[in-house]
Amino acid sequence: MNCPIARSLERVGEWWSILILRDAFYGLTRFDEFQKSLNIAPNMLTRRLNGLVESGMLEKRQYSEKPPRYEYVLTERGRDFRPVILALLAWGNKHFAPEGESVMLADKETGQRVEPVLVDAATGRPIMDGGFETAPGPAADEKTRARFAQRDARHGR
């Protein structure tokens, strides 16, 4: 598909894959650590780790020769997924945590809770302020352009 959201979900849009990435951000790197944290079947974990390696989110590195053992380390592409994880954390805390926050984002120095927001890099304006919208990019195909044209026509633009 010509949609960046669809392409992203193709790589990480599965429950276990996102939780593995979450745990990698928490510092886990080894198969047994992921398995213990997630209580996931070994064959499922193997498939998901292999998929994340194939998609360039994790790198598989051997740390022991006898027996052969591997760790899974976030790549640059994987580390770039951190804002998505933090957005999911904030959204989940806001809408699905009636008992309160079990995990929060905090300032390393002060320990104070912080609220992640998505901002425009050029202006620093929060994206949620309503002054932004999605638009077809330079590589948009005809189907994508038609979808945006239909939206614009519906709104009298």
N, C-alpha and C. Protein backbone atom coordinates (compact mmCIF):
# COMPACT_ATOMS: atom_id res chain seq x y z
N MET A 1 0.83 -1.19 0.00
CA MET A 1 0.00 0.00 0.00
C MET A 1 0.87 1.25 0.00
N ASN A 2 0.34 2.31 -0.51
CA ASN A 2 1.05 3.58 -0.59
C ASN A 2 0.85 4.42 0.67
N CYS A 3 0.36 3.84 1.73
CA CYS A 3 0.06 4.57 2.97
C CYS A 3 1.14 4.29 4.02
N PRO A 4 1.74 5.33 4.58
CA PRO A 4 2.78 5.10 5.59
C PRO A 4 2.25 4.42 6.85
N ILE A 5 0.99 4.63 7.19
CA ILE A 5 0.42 3.97 8.36
C ILE A 5 0.30 2.47 8.09
N ALA A 6 -0.22 2.10 6.92
CA ALA A 6 -0.34 0.69 6.57
C ALA A 6 1.03 0.02 6.51
N ARG A 7 2.01 0.70 5.95
CA ARG A 7 3.36 0.13 5.87
C ARG A 7 3.96 -0.05 7.26
N SER A 8 3.71 0.88 8.16
CA SER A 8 4.21 0.77 9.53
C SER A 8 3.54 -0.39 10.25
N LEU A 9 2.22 -0.50 10.10
CA LEU A 9 1.51 -1.59 10.76
C LEU A 9 1.92 -2.95 10.23
N GLU A 10 2.33 -3.00 8.98
CA GLU A 10 2.82 -4.25 8.40
C GLU A 10 4.03 -4.76 9.19
N ARG A 11 4.82 -3.85 9.72
CA ARG A 11 6.03 -4.22 10.44
C ARG A 11 5.83 -4.40 11.94
N VAL A 12 4.98 -3.60 12.55
CA VAL A 12 4.86 -3.65 14.01
C VAL A 12 3.42 -3.71 14.50
N GLY A 13 2.46 -3.85 13.62
CA GLY A 13 1.06 -3.73 14.01
C GLY A 13 0.46 -4.95 14.65
N GLU A 14 1.26 -5.76 15.24
CA GLU A 14 0.78 -6.96 15.89
C GLU A 14 1.09 -6.84 17.37
N TRP A 15 0.17 -7.25 18.18
CA TRP A 15 0.23 -7.12 19.63
C TRP A 15 1.60 -7.49 20.21
N TRP A 16 2.07 -8.71 19.92
CA TRP A 16 3.32 -9.18 20.51
C TRP A 16 4.51 -8.34 20.06
N SER A 17 4.53 -7.94 18.81
CA SER A 17 5.66 -7.18 18.28
C SER A 17 5.81 -5.85 19.03
N ILE A 18 4.71 -5.17 19.26
CA ILE A 18 4.77 -3.89 19.97
C ILE A 18 5.19 -4.11 21.42
N LEU A 19 4.73 -5.17 22.05
CA LEU A 19 5.14 -5.44 23.43
C LEU A 19 6.61 -5.84 23.51
N ILE A 20 7.12 -6.54 22.52
CA ILE A 20 8.56 -6.85 22.48
C ILE A 20 9.35 -5.56 22.36
N LEU A 21 8.92 -4.66 21.49
CA LEU A 21 9.60 -3.37 21.35
C LEU A 21 9.51 -2.58 22.66
N ARG A 22 8.37 -2.59 23.30
CA ARG A 22 8.23 -1.93 24.60
C ARG A 22 9.28 -2.46 25.57
N ASP A 23 9.39 -3.78 25.65
CA ASP A 23 10.35 -4.38 26.57
C ASP A 23 11.78 -4.07 26.17
N ALA A 24 12.05 -3.97 24.88
CA ALA A 24 13.39 -3.59 24.43
C ALA A 24 13.70 -2.17 24.90
N PHE A 25 12.73 -1.28 24.87
CA PHE A 25 12.93 0.07 25.41
C PHE A 25 13.15 0.04 26.91
N TYR A 26 12.58 -0.94 27.60
CA TYR A 26 12.79 -1.09 29.04
C TYR A 26 14.15 -1.71 29.34
N GLY A 27 14.87 -2.13 28.29
CA GLY A 27 16.23 -2.65 28.48
C GLY A 27 16.39 -4.15 28.31
N LEU A 28 15.31 -4.86 28.03
CA LEU A 28 15.45 -6.31 27.82
C LEU A 28 16.10 -6.58 26.47
N THR A 29 16.93 -7.60 26.40
CA THR A 29 17.61 -7.93 25.15
C THR A 29 17.62 -9.43 24.85
N ARG A 30 17.40 -10.26 25.84
CA ARG A 30 17.58 -11.70 25.65
C ARG A 30 16.25 -12.43 25.57
N PHE A 31 16.29 -13.53 24.81
CA PHE A 31 15.09 -14.33 24.55
C PHE A 31 14.38 -14.67 25.85
N ASP A 32 15.12 -15.19 26.84
CA ASP A 32 14.48 -15.61 28.08
C ASP A 32 13.90 -14.43 28.85
N GLU A 33 14.50 -13.24 28.72
CA GLU A 33 13.95 -12.05 29.37
C GLU A 33 12.61 -11.67 28.75
N PHE A 34 12.56 -11.68 27.41
CA PHE A 34 11.30 -11.37 26.73
C PHE A 34 10.24 -12.40 27.09
N GLN A 35 10.63 -13.68 27.07
CA GLN A 35 9.66 -14.74 27.35
C GLN A 35 9.09 -14.62 28.76
N LYS A 36 9.95 -14.35 29.73
CA LYS A 36 9.50 -14.21 31.11
C LYS A 36 8.60 -12.98 31.28
N SER A 37 8.99 -11.87 30.68
CA SER A 37 8.21 -10.64 30.80
C SER A 37 6.83 -10.77 30.17
N LEU A 38 6.78 -11.39 29.00
CA LEU A 38 5.55 -11.44 28.22
C LEU A 38 4.71 -12.70 28.43
N ASN A 39 5.32 -13.73 29.03
CA ASN A 39 4.64 -15.03 29.17
C ASN A 39 4.12 -15.51 27.82
N ILE A 40 4.99 -15.48 26.83
CA ILE A 40 4.67 -15.82 25.45
C ILE A 40 5.27 -17.18 25.10
N ALA A 41 4.57 -17.93 24.27
CA ALA A 41 5.08 -19.24 23.84
C ALA A 41 6.39 -19.05 23.07
N PRO A 42 7.36 -19.92 23.27
CA PRO A 42 8.66 -19.78 22.61
C PRO A 42 8.58 -19.69 21.09
N ASN A 43 7.72 -20.50 20.48
CA ASN A 43 7.61 -20.47 19.01
C ASN A 43 7.05 -19.13 18.52
N MET A 44 6.10 -18.56 19.26
CA MET A 44 5.54 -17.26 18.90
C MET A 44 6.60 -16.17 19.09
N LEU A 45 7.35 -16.22 20.18
CA LEU A 45 8.39 -15.24 20.43
C LEU A 45 9.47 -15.32 19.34
N THR A 46 9.84 -16.51 18.97
CA THR A 46 10.84 -16.68 17.90
C THR A 46 10.36 -16.04 16.61
N ARG A 47 9.10 -16.29 16.23
CA ARG A 47 8.54 -15.69 15.01
C ARG A 47 8.53 -14.17 15.08
N ARG A 48 8.10 -13.62 16.20
CA ARG A 48 8.01 -12.17 16.34
C ARG A 48 9.39 -11.52 16.37
N LEU A 49 10.33 -12.12 17.07
CA LEU A 49 11.70 -11.59 17.07
C LEU A 49 12.30 -11.63 15.67
N ASN A 50 12.12 -12.75 14.96
CA ASN A 50 12.62 -12.86 13.59
C ASN A 50 11.99 -11.79 12.70
N GLY A 51 10.70 -11.55 12.85
CA GLY A 51 10.02 -10.53 12.06
C GLY A 51 10.56 -9.13 12.35
N LEU A 52 10.83 -8.84 13.62
CA LEU A 52 11.37 -7.53 13.98
C LEU A 52 12.80 -7.36 13.49
N VAL A 53 13.55 -8.46 13.44
CA VAL A 53 14.90 -8.41 12.87
C VAL A 53 14.81 -8.19 11.36
N GLU A 54 13.92 -8.94 10.69
CA GLU A 54 13.75 -8.80 9.23
C GLU A 54 13.30 -7.40 8.84
N SER A 55 12.48 -6.79 9.67
CA SER A 55 11.97 -5.44 9.34
C SER A 55 12.94 -4.34 9.77
N GLY A 56 14.07 -4.72 10.35
CA GLY A 56 15.08 -3.74 10.71
C GLY A 56 14.83 -3.01 12.02
N MET A 57 13.93 -3.51 12.84
CA MET A 57 13.65 -2.87 14.12
C MET A 57 14.61 -3.33 15.22
N LEU A 58 15.03 -4.59 15.13
CA LEU A 58 15.98 -5.17 16.08
C LEU A 58 17.15 -5.77 15.32
N GLU A 59 18.29 -5.82 15.98
CA GLU A 59 19.46 -6.50 15.44
C GLU A 59 19.76 -7.70 16.34
N LYS A 60 20.01 -8.86 15.72
CA LYS A 60 20.33 -10.07 16.46
C LYS A 60 21.85 -10.18 16.58
N ARG A 61 22.34 -10.24 17.84
CA ARG A 61 23.78 -10.31 18.08
C ARG A 61 24.10 -11.52 18.95
N GLN A 62 25.11 -12.26 18.55
CA GLN A 62 25.53 -13.41 19.35
C GLN A 62 26.36 -12.92 20.53
N TYR A 63 26.02 -13.38 21.74
CA TYR A 63 26.79 -13.00 22.92
C TYR A 63 27.47 -14.19 23.58
N SER A 64 27.16 -15.41 23.12
CA SER A 64 27.79 -16.61 23.65
C SER A 64 27.93 -17.62 22.53
N GLU A 65 29.11 -18.27 22.47
CA GLU A 65 29.33 -19.27 21.43
C GLU A 65 28.93 -20.66 21.87
N LYS A 66 29.22 -21.02 23.13
CA LYS A 66 28.90 -22.36 23.63
C LYS A 66 28.12 -22.22 24.91
N PRO A 67 26.86 -22.48 24.89
CA PRO A 67 26.03 -22.69 23.71
C PRO A 67 25.79 -21.36 22.99
N PRO A 68 25.42 -21.45 21.70
CA PRO A 68 25.14 -20.19 20.98
C PRO A 68 23.92 -19.48 21.59
N ARG A 69 24.14 -18.24 21.97
CA ARG A 69 23.07 -17.43 22.55
C ARG A 69 23.09 -16.07 21.87
N TYR A 70 21.89 -15.49 21.75
CA TYR A 70 21.75 -14.22 21.04
C TYR A 70 21.01 -13.21 21.90
N GLU A 71 21.29 -11.95 21.63
CA GLU A 71 20.51 -10.88 22.21
C GLU A 71 19.91 -10.06 21.07
N TYR A 72 18.87 -9.34 21.37
CA TYR A 72 18.15 -8.54 20.38
C TYR A 72 18.21 -7.09 20.82
N VAL A 73 18.85 -6.26 19.98
CA VAL A 73 19.12 -4.87 20.32
C VAL A 73 18.40 -3.96 19.35
N LEU A 74 17.82 -2.90 19.87
CA LEU A 74 17.14 -1.93 19.01
C LEU A 74 18.11 -1.32 18.00
N THR A 75 17.66 -1.23 16.77
CA THR A 75 18.42 -0.54 15.72
C THR A 75 18.00 0.94 15.74
N GLU A 76 18.60 1.72 14.87
CA GLU A 76 18.17 3.13 14.76
C GLU A 76 16.69 3.19 14.40
N ARG A 77 16.26 2.34 13.46
CA ARG A 77 14.84 2.30 13.08
C ARG A 77 13.99 1.94 14.29
N GLY A 78 14.44 0.99 15.06
CA GLY A 78 13.71 0.60 16.26
C GLY A 78 13.66 1.72 17.29
N ARG A 79 14.80 2.38 17.51
CA ARG A 79 14.83 3.49 18.47
C ARG A 79 13.92 4.63 18.02
N ASP A 80 13.77 4.81 16.72
CA ASP A 80 12.88 5.86 16.21
C ASP A 80 11.41 5.56 16.51
N PHE A 81 11.11 4.34 16.95
CA PHE A 81 9.74 3.95 17.31
C PHE A 81 9.38 4.42 18.73
N ARG A 82 10.33 4.92 19.48
CA ARG A 82 10.09 5.32 20.88
C ARG A 82 8.95 6.33 21.03
N PRO A 83 8.88 7.37 20.19
CA PRO A 83 7.76 8.30 20.36
C PRO A 83 6.39 7.63 20.18
N VAL A 84 6.32 6.61 19.34
CA VAL A 84 5.06 5.88 19.16
C VAL A 84 4.70 5.14 20.44
N ILE A 85 5.69 4.48 21.02
CA ILE A 85 5.47 3.76 22.29
C ILE A 85 5.03 4.74 23.38
N LEU A 86 5.70 5.90 23.45
CA LEU A 86 5.34 6.89 24.48
C LEU A 86 3.96 7.47 24.24
N ALA A 87 3.58 7.64 22.96
CA ALA A 87 2.23 8.12 22.65
C ALA A 87 1.19 7.08 23.07
N LEU A 88 1.47 5.80 22.83
CA LEU A 88 0.55 4.73 23.26
C LEU A 88 0.45 4.69 24.79
N LEU A 89 1.57 4.90 25.47
CA LEU A 89 1.57 4.92 26.92
C LEU A 89 0.67 6.05 27.43
N ALA A 90 0.86 7.25 26.90
CA ALA A 90 0.06 8.40 27.34
C ALA A 90 -1.42 8.20 27.02
N TRP A 91 -1.72 7.70 25.83
CA TRP A 91 -3.11 7.49 25.42
C TRP A 91 -3.77 6.42 26.29
N GLY A 92 -3.03 5.33 26.55
CA GLY A 92 -3.56 4.28 27.41
C GLY A 92 -3.81 4.76 28.83
N ASN A 93 -2.88 5.56 29.35
CA ASN A 93 -3.08 6.12 30.70
C ASN A 93 -4.30 7.02 30.75
N LYS A 94 -4.50 7.81 29.71
CA LYS A 94 -5.62 8.76 29.69
C LYS A 94 -6.96 8.06 29.55
N HIS A 95 -7.04 7.03 28.72
CA HIS A 95 -8.34 6.46 28.39
C HIS A 95 -8.63 5.07 28.96
N PHE A 96 -7.61 4.34 29.39
CA PHE A 96 -7.84 2.95 29.77
C PHE A 96 -7.20 2.57 31.09
N ALA A 97 -7.03 3.51 31.99
CA ALA A 97 -6.42 3.22 33.29
C ALA A 97 -7.26 3.81 34.42
N PRO A 98 -8.48 3.28 34.63
CA PRO A 98 -9.33 3.85 35.68
C PRO A 98 -8.71 3.75 37.07
N GLU A 99 -7.80 2.80 37.27
CA GLU A 99 -7.15 2.63 38.57
C GLU A 99 -5.96 3.57 38.74
N GLY A 100 -5.58 4.27 37.68
CA GLY A 100 -4.43 5.17 37.72
C GLY A 100 -3.29 4.64 36.87
N GLU A 101 -2.27 5.43 36.75
CA GLU A 101 -1.13 5.09 35.89
C GLU A 101 -0.24 4.03 36.53
N SER A 102 -0.03 2.92 35.84
CA SER A 102 0.90 1.90 36.33
C SER A 102 2.30 2.17 35.80
N VAL A 103 2.41 2.88 34.69
CA VAL A 103 3.68 3.30 34.12
C VAL A 103 3.49 4.73 33.65
N MET A 104 4.48 5.57 33.91
CA MET A 104 4.40 6.96 33.46
C MET A 104 5.74 7.38 32.91
N LEU A 105 5.75 8.45 32.15
CA LEU A 105 6.97 9.05 31.67
C LEU A 105 7.41 10.07 32.70
N ALA A 106 8.69 10.01 33.10
CA ALA A 106 9.18 10.90 34.14
C ALA A 106 10.51 11.53 33.73
N ASP A 107 10.76 12.72 34.23
CA ASP A 107 12.03 13.41 34.04
C ASP A 107 13.10 12.65 34.82
N LYS A 108 14.22 12.29 34.17
CA LYS A 108 15.27 11.51 34.83
C LYS A 108 15.87 12.22 36.03
N GLU A 109 16.00 13.54 35.96
CA GLU A 109 16.64 14.28 37.05
C GLU A 109 15.70 14.54 38.22
N THR A 110 14.46 14.92 37.92
CA THR A 110 13.55 15.33 38.99
C THR A 110 12.57 14.23 39.41
N GLY A 111 12.36 13.25 38.54
CA GLY A 111 11.37 12.23 38.82
C GLY A 111 9.94 12.69 38.59
N GLN A 112 9.78 13.93 38.16
CA GLN A 112 8.45 14.49 37.94
C GLN A 112 7.82 13.88 36.68
N ARG A 113 6.52 13.63 36.78
CA ARG A 113 5.76 13.12 35.65
C ARG A 113 5.78 14.14 34.51
N VAL A 114 5.95 13.66 33.29
CA VAL A 114 5.89 14.52 32.12
C VAL A 114 4.86 13.96 31.15
N GLU A 115 4.28 14.85 30.37
CA GLU A 115 3.26 14.48 29.39
C GLU A 115 3.85 14.61 27.99
N PRO A 116 3.99 13.49 27.27
CA PRO A 116 4.53 13.59 25.91
C PRO A 116 3.51 14.23 24.98
N VAL A 117 3.99 15.12 24.12
CA VAL A 117 3.15 15.74 23.10
C VAL A 117 3.90 15.71 21.77
N LEU A 118 3.17 15.61 20.71
CA LEU A 118 3.74 15.66 19.37
C LEU A 118 3.72 17.11 18.91
N VAL A 119 4.89 17.61 18.48
CA VAL A 119 4.98 19.00 18.05
C VAL A 119 5.60 19.08 16.67
N ASP A 120 5.31 20.18 15.98
CA ASP A 120 5.95 20.48 14.71
C ASP A 120 7.39 20.88 15.01
N ALA A 121 8.35 20.21 14.38
CA ALA A 121 9.76 20.47 14.64
C ALA A 121 10.16 21.90 14.26
N ALA A 122 9.55 22.45 13.24
CA ALA A 122 9.94 23.79 12.77
C ALA A 122 9.42 24.89 13.69
N THR A 123 8.20 24.75 14.19
CA THR A 123 7.59 25.84 14.96
C THR A 123 7.43 25.53 16.45
N GLY A 124 7.50 24.24 16.81
CA GLY A 124 7.26 23.86 18.19
C GLY A 124 5.80 23.82 18.57
N ARG A 125 4.90 24.09 17.62
CA ARG A 125 3.46 24.07 17.89
C ARG A 125 2.98 22.65 18.10
N PRO A 126 2.16 22.42 19.13
CA PRO A 126 1.57 21.09 19.31
C PRO A 126 0.71 20.70 18.11
N ILE A 127 0.88 19.49 17.65
CA ILE A 127 0.13 18.99 16.49
C ILE A 127 -1.36 18.90 16.82
N MET A 128 -1.70 18.70 18.06
CA MET A 128 -3.10 18.53 18.45
C MET A 128 -3.88 19.83 18.49
N ASP A 129 -3.26 20.96 18.17
CA ASP A 129 -3.98 22.24 18.30
C ASP A 129 -4.97 22.51 17.17
N GLY A 130 -5.13 21.60 16.23
CA GLY A 130 -6.14 21.76 15.19
C GLY A 130 -5.66 22.51 13.97
N GLY A 131 -4.48 23.04 13.97
CA GLY A 131 -3.98 23.79 12.83
C GLY A 131 -3.24 22.94 11.81
N PHE A 132 -3.36 21.64 11.92
CA PHE A 132 -2.65 20.73 11.03
C PHE A 132 -3.62 19.70 10.46
N GLU A 133 -3.31 19.19 9.29
CA GLU A 133 -4.09 18.10 8.70
C GLU A 133 -3.18 17.27 7.82
N THR A 134 -3.61 16.07 7.54
CA THR A 134 -2.85 15.22 6.63
C THR A 134 -3.12 15.69 5.20
N ALA A 135 -2.13 15.48 4.35
CA ALA A 135 -2.23 15.89 2.94
C ALA A 135 -1.41 14.92 2.10
N PRO A 136 -1.74 14.81 0.82
CA PRO A 136 -0.94 13.91 -0.02
C PRO A 136 0.49 14.43 -0.15
N GLY A 137 1.43 13.51 -0.07
CA GLY A 137 2.84 13.85 -0.21
C GLY A 137 3.29 13.73 -1.65
N PRO A 138 4.54 14.08 -1.92
CA PRO A 138 5.06 14.05 -3.29
C PRO A 138 4.98 12.67 -3.95
N ALA A 139 5.05 11.60 -3.14
CA ALA A 139 5.02 10.25 -3.71
C ALA A 139 3.63 9.62 -3.68
N ALA A 140 2.60 10.41 -3.36
CA ALA A 140 1.24 9.87 -3.28
C ALA A 140 0.78 9.34 -4.63
N ASP A 141 0.13 8.18 -4.60
CA ASP A 141 -0.43 7.62 -5.83
C ASP A 141 -1.81 8.25 -6.09
N GLU A 142 -2.40 7.89 -7.20
CA GLU A 142 -3.70 8.48 -7.58
C GLU A 142 -4.80 8.15 -6.58
N LYS A 143 -4.79 6.93 -6.04
CA LYS A 143 -5.80 6.54 -5.06
C LYS A 143 -5.72 7.42 -3.82
N THR A 144 -4.51 7.68 -3.35
CA THR A 144 -4.32 8.53 -2.18
C THR A 144 -4.76 9.96 -2.48
N ARG A 145 -4.35 10.47 -3.64
CA ARG A 145 -4.75 11.84 -4.00
C ARG A 145 -6.27 11.95 -4.12
N ALA A 146 -6.92 10.93 -4.66
CA ALA A 146 -8.38 10.94 -4.80
C ALA A 146 -9.06 10.94 -3.43
N ARG A 147 -8.50 10.19 -2.49
CA ARG A 147 -9.08 10.15 -1.14
C ARG A 147 -9.03 11.54 -0.49
N PHE A 148 -7.92 12.25 -0.65
CA PHE A 148 -7.81 13.60 -0.08
C PHE A 148 -8.68 14.59 -0.84
N ALA A 149 -8.78 14.43 -2.15
CA ALA A 149 -9.64 15.32 -2.93
C ALA A 149 -11.09 15.16 -2.52
N GLN A 150 -11.50 13.91 -2.25
CA GLN A 150 -12.87 13.65 -1.81
C GLN A 150 -13.11 14.30 -0.45
N ARG A 151 -12.16 14.21 0.45
CA ARG A 151 -12.28 14.85 1.76
C ARG A 151 -12.42 16.36 1.61
N ASP A 152 -11.56 16.95 0.76
CA ASP A 152 -11.59 18.40 0.56
C ASP A 152 -12.92 18.85 -0.05
N ALA A 153 -13.45 18.07 -1.00
CA ALA A 153 -14.73 18.41 -1.62
C ALA A 153 -15.86 18.34 -0.58
N ARG A 154 -15.81 17.37 0.29
CA ARG A 154 -16.83 17.23 1.33
C ARG A 154 -16.84 18.43 2.26
N HIS A 155 -15.66 19.02 2.45
CA HIS A 155 -15.54 20.15 3.37
C HIS A 155 -15.52 21.50 2.63
N GLY A 156 -15.90 21.48 1.35
CA GLY A 156 -16.02 22.71 0.57
C GLY A 156 -14.71 23.41 0.28
N ARG A 157 -13.65 22.64 0.10
CA ARG A 157 -12.35 23.24 -0.21
C ARG A 157 -11.95 22.98 -1.63
